[in-house]
């Protein structure tokens, strides 16, 4: 019985340590890749705001994009992209986005060295397209 229990603990430990979690690998990524990927799928960046470092806790750099299919007639979806130096900072910020900040009408992602928060109406076609774009570039 003790041997079986010990074996189960070892397997659980290996699963926890070896298998990737729910976040993207902490390497690569860029603001440019996010921007170009959205634009390649028919979305327009209506406005960009560069934010001060540290606006998102631990971030080195942050940008907010207002994104829509039609900047003149659509209510834009907000895409907040934060770059981090350390995986723990990114994952901690992502955890905070998911548990403390993210409204019911938003999505949060990890992407390389970035955390991404997308907010808009869930039935908004632009938000749905952004979610597809982010997953296509490896965001989780």
Protein backbone atom coordinates (compact mmCIF):
# COMPACT_ATOMS: atom_id res chain seq x y z
CA UNK A 1 0.00 0.00 0.00
CA UNK A 2 2.79 2.43 0.91
CA UNK A 3 4.58 1.57 -2.34
CA UNK A 4 1.50 2.34 -4.43
CA UNK A 5 0.91 5.60 -2.58
CA UNK A 6 4.56 6.58 -3.04
CA UNK A 7 4.38 5.72 -6.74
CA UNK A 8 1.28 7.87 -7.17
CA UNK A 9 3.03 10.80 -5.45
CA UNK A 10 6.04 10.46 -7.73
CA UNK A 11 3.80 10.43 -10.83
CA UNK A 12 1.90 13.51 -9.62
CA UNK A 13 5.16 15.30 -8.90
CA UNK A 14 6.47 14.49 -12.38
CA UNK A 15 3.26 15.71 -13.98
CA UNK A 16 3.50 18.97 -12.04
CA UNK A 17 7.18 19.54 -12.81
CA UNK A 18 7.59 18.15 -16.34
CA UNK A 19 4.35 18.83 -18.17
CA UNK A 20 3.68 22.39 -19.31
CA UNK A 21 1.08 24.30 -17.36
CA UNK A 22 -1.62 26.56 -18.62
CA UNK A 23 0.73 29.34 -19.64
CA UNK A 24 2.78 29.88 -22.77
CA UNK A 25 6.53 29.27 -22.76
CA UNK A 26 8.46 32.31 -21.54
CA UNK A 27 10.46 33.18 -24.62
CA UNK A 28 10.09 35.42 -27.61
CA UNK A 29 7.04 37.33 -28.64
CA UNK A 30 6.83 41.01 -29.50
CA UNK A 31 4.46 43.92 -29.63
CA UNK A 32 5.00 43.98 -33.39
CA UNK A 33 3.91 40.35 -33.77
CA UNK A 34 0.69 41.04 -31.85
CA UNK A 35 0.01 44.16 -33.94
CA UNK A 36 0.73 42.56 -37.32
CA UNK A 37 -1.23 39.41 -36.48
CA UNK A 38 -4.35 41.42 -35.67
CA UNK A 39 -3.95 43.56 -38.79
CA UNK A 40 -3.46 40.48 -40.98
CA UNK A 41 -6.91 39.28 -39.92
CA UNK A 42 -8.75 42.44 -40.93
CA UNK A 43 -8.59 44.26 -37.61
CA UNK A 44 -7.49 47.88 -37.33
CA UNK A 45 -5.54 49.42 -34.49
CA UNK A 46 -7.51 52.62 -33.99
CA UNK A 47 -5.33 54.02 -31.22
CA UNK A 48 -2.21 52.97 -29.29
CA UNK A 49 -1.17 54.19 -25.86
CA UNK A 50 2.34 53.48 -24.57
CA UNK A 51 2.11 53.17 -20.81
CA UNK A 52 4.75 53.81 -18.18
CA UNK A 53 6.85 50.83 -17.06
CA UNK A 54 5.36 49.17 -14.01
CA UNK A 55 1.77 50.23 -14.72
CA UNK A 56 1.08 46.52 -14.71
CA UNK A 57 2.93 45.21 -11.66
CA UNK A 58 6.44 44.12 -12.58
CA UNK A 59 6.12 44.99 -16.26
CA UNK A 60 8.96 46.53 -18.23
CA UNK A 61 6.71 47.95 -20.92
CA UNK A 62 2.96 48.18 -21.56
CA UNK A 63 0.82 49.18 -24.50
CA UNK A 64 -2.92 49.48 -24.86
CA UNK A 65 -4.42 49.03 -28.28
CA UNK A 66 -7.96 50.08 -29.20
CA UNK A 67 -8.93 47.61 -31.92
CA UNK A 68 -11.94 47.34 -34.23
CA UNK A 69 -12.89 46.22 -37.71
CA UNK A 70 -14.12 49.77 -38.38
CA UNK A 71 -12.56 52.51 -36.23
CA UNK A 72 -15.19 55.08 -37.24
CA UNK A 73 -18.31 53.05 -36.46
CA UNK A 74 -17.42 50.27 -34.01
CA UNK A 75 -16.84 50.43 -30.27
CA UNK A 76 -13.20 49.35 -29.93
CA UNK A 77 -11.97 46.35 -28.01
CA UNK A 78 -9.14 47.17 -25.60
CA UNK A 79 -6.04 44.98 -25.77
CA UNK A 80 -3.54 45.60 -22.96
CA UNK A 81 -0.14 43.99 -23.65
CA UNK A 82 2.52 43.93 -20.91
CA UNK A 83 6.14 42.75 -21.31
CA UNK A 84 8.05 41.18 -18.42
CA UNK A 85 11.66 40.34 -17.65
CA UNK A 86 10.84 37.28 -15.53
CA UNK A 87 8.36 34.43 -15.98
CA UNK A 88 7.25 34.66 -12.34
CA UNK A 89 6.35 38.34 -12.81
CA UNK A 90 4.32 37.55 -15.93
CA UNK A 91 2.55 34.61 -14.35
CA UNK A 92 1.81 36.52 -11.16
CA UNK A 93 0.36 39.40 -13.16
CA UNK A 94 -1.65 36.96 -15.24
CA UNK A 95 -3.00 35.33 -12.08
CA UNK A 96 -4.05 38.76 -10.81
CA UNK A 97 -5.73 39.55 -14.12
CA UNK A 98 -7.65 36.29 -14.00
CA UNK A 99 -8.73 36.43 -10.36
CA UNK A 100 -8.85 40.08 -9.31
CA UNK A 101 -9.20 42.36 -12.30
CA UNK A 102 -10.57 40.67 -15.40
CA UNK A 103 -14.21 41.55 -15.98
CA UNK A 104 -16.67 38.93 -17.14
CA UNK A 105 -16.41 40.29 -20.67
CA UNK A 106 -12.67 39.83 -21.05
CA UNK A 107 -9.99 37.28 -21.80
CA UNK A 108 -6.46 37.03 -20.46
CA UNK A 109 -3.49 35.33 -22.09
CA UNK A 110 0.18 34.57 -21.67
CA UNK A 111 2.28 34.97 -24.80
CA UNK A 112 6.06 34.66 -24.66
CA UNK A 113 7.32 37.38 -22.33
CA UNK A 114 3.88 39.05 -22.29
CA UNK A 115 0.57 39.04 -20.48
CA UNK A 116 -2.42 40.18 -22.52
CA UNK A 117 -5.83 41.36 -21.35
CA UNK A 118 -8.61 41.73 -23.93
CA UNK A 119 -11.77 43.56 -22.88
CA UNK A 120 -14.92 44.18 -24.83
CA UNK A 121 -18.36 42.68 -25.25
CA UNK A 122 -18.23 38.85 -25.45
CA UNK A 123 -20.52 38.89 -28.51
CA UNK A 124 -18.28 41.41 -30.26
CA UNK A 125 -16.89 39.99 -33.50
CA UNK A 126 -13.66 41.96 -33.11
CA UNK A 127 -13.06 40.47 -29.66
CA UNK A 128 -13.75 36.98 -30.98
CA UNK A 129 -11.30 37.60 -33.85
CA UNK A 130 -8.64 38.91 -31.45
CA UNK A 131 -9.04 35.80 -29.30
CA UNK A 132 -8.53 33.61 -32.40
CA UNK A 133 -5.51 35.66 -33.49
CA UNK A 134 -3.84 35.40 -30.10
CA UNK A 135 -4.33 31.63 -29.94
CA UNK A 136 -2.93 31.31 -33.49
CA UNK A 137 0.36 32.96 -32.42
CA UNK A 138 0.71 30.68 -29.40
CA UNK A 139 -0.98 32.64 -26.64
CA UNK A 140 -2.55 30.56 -23.90
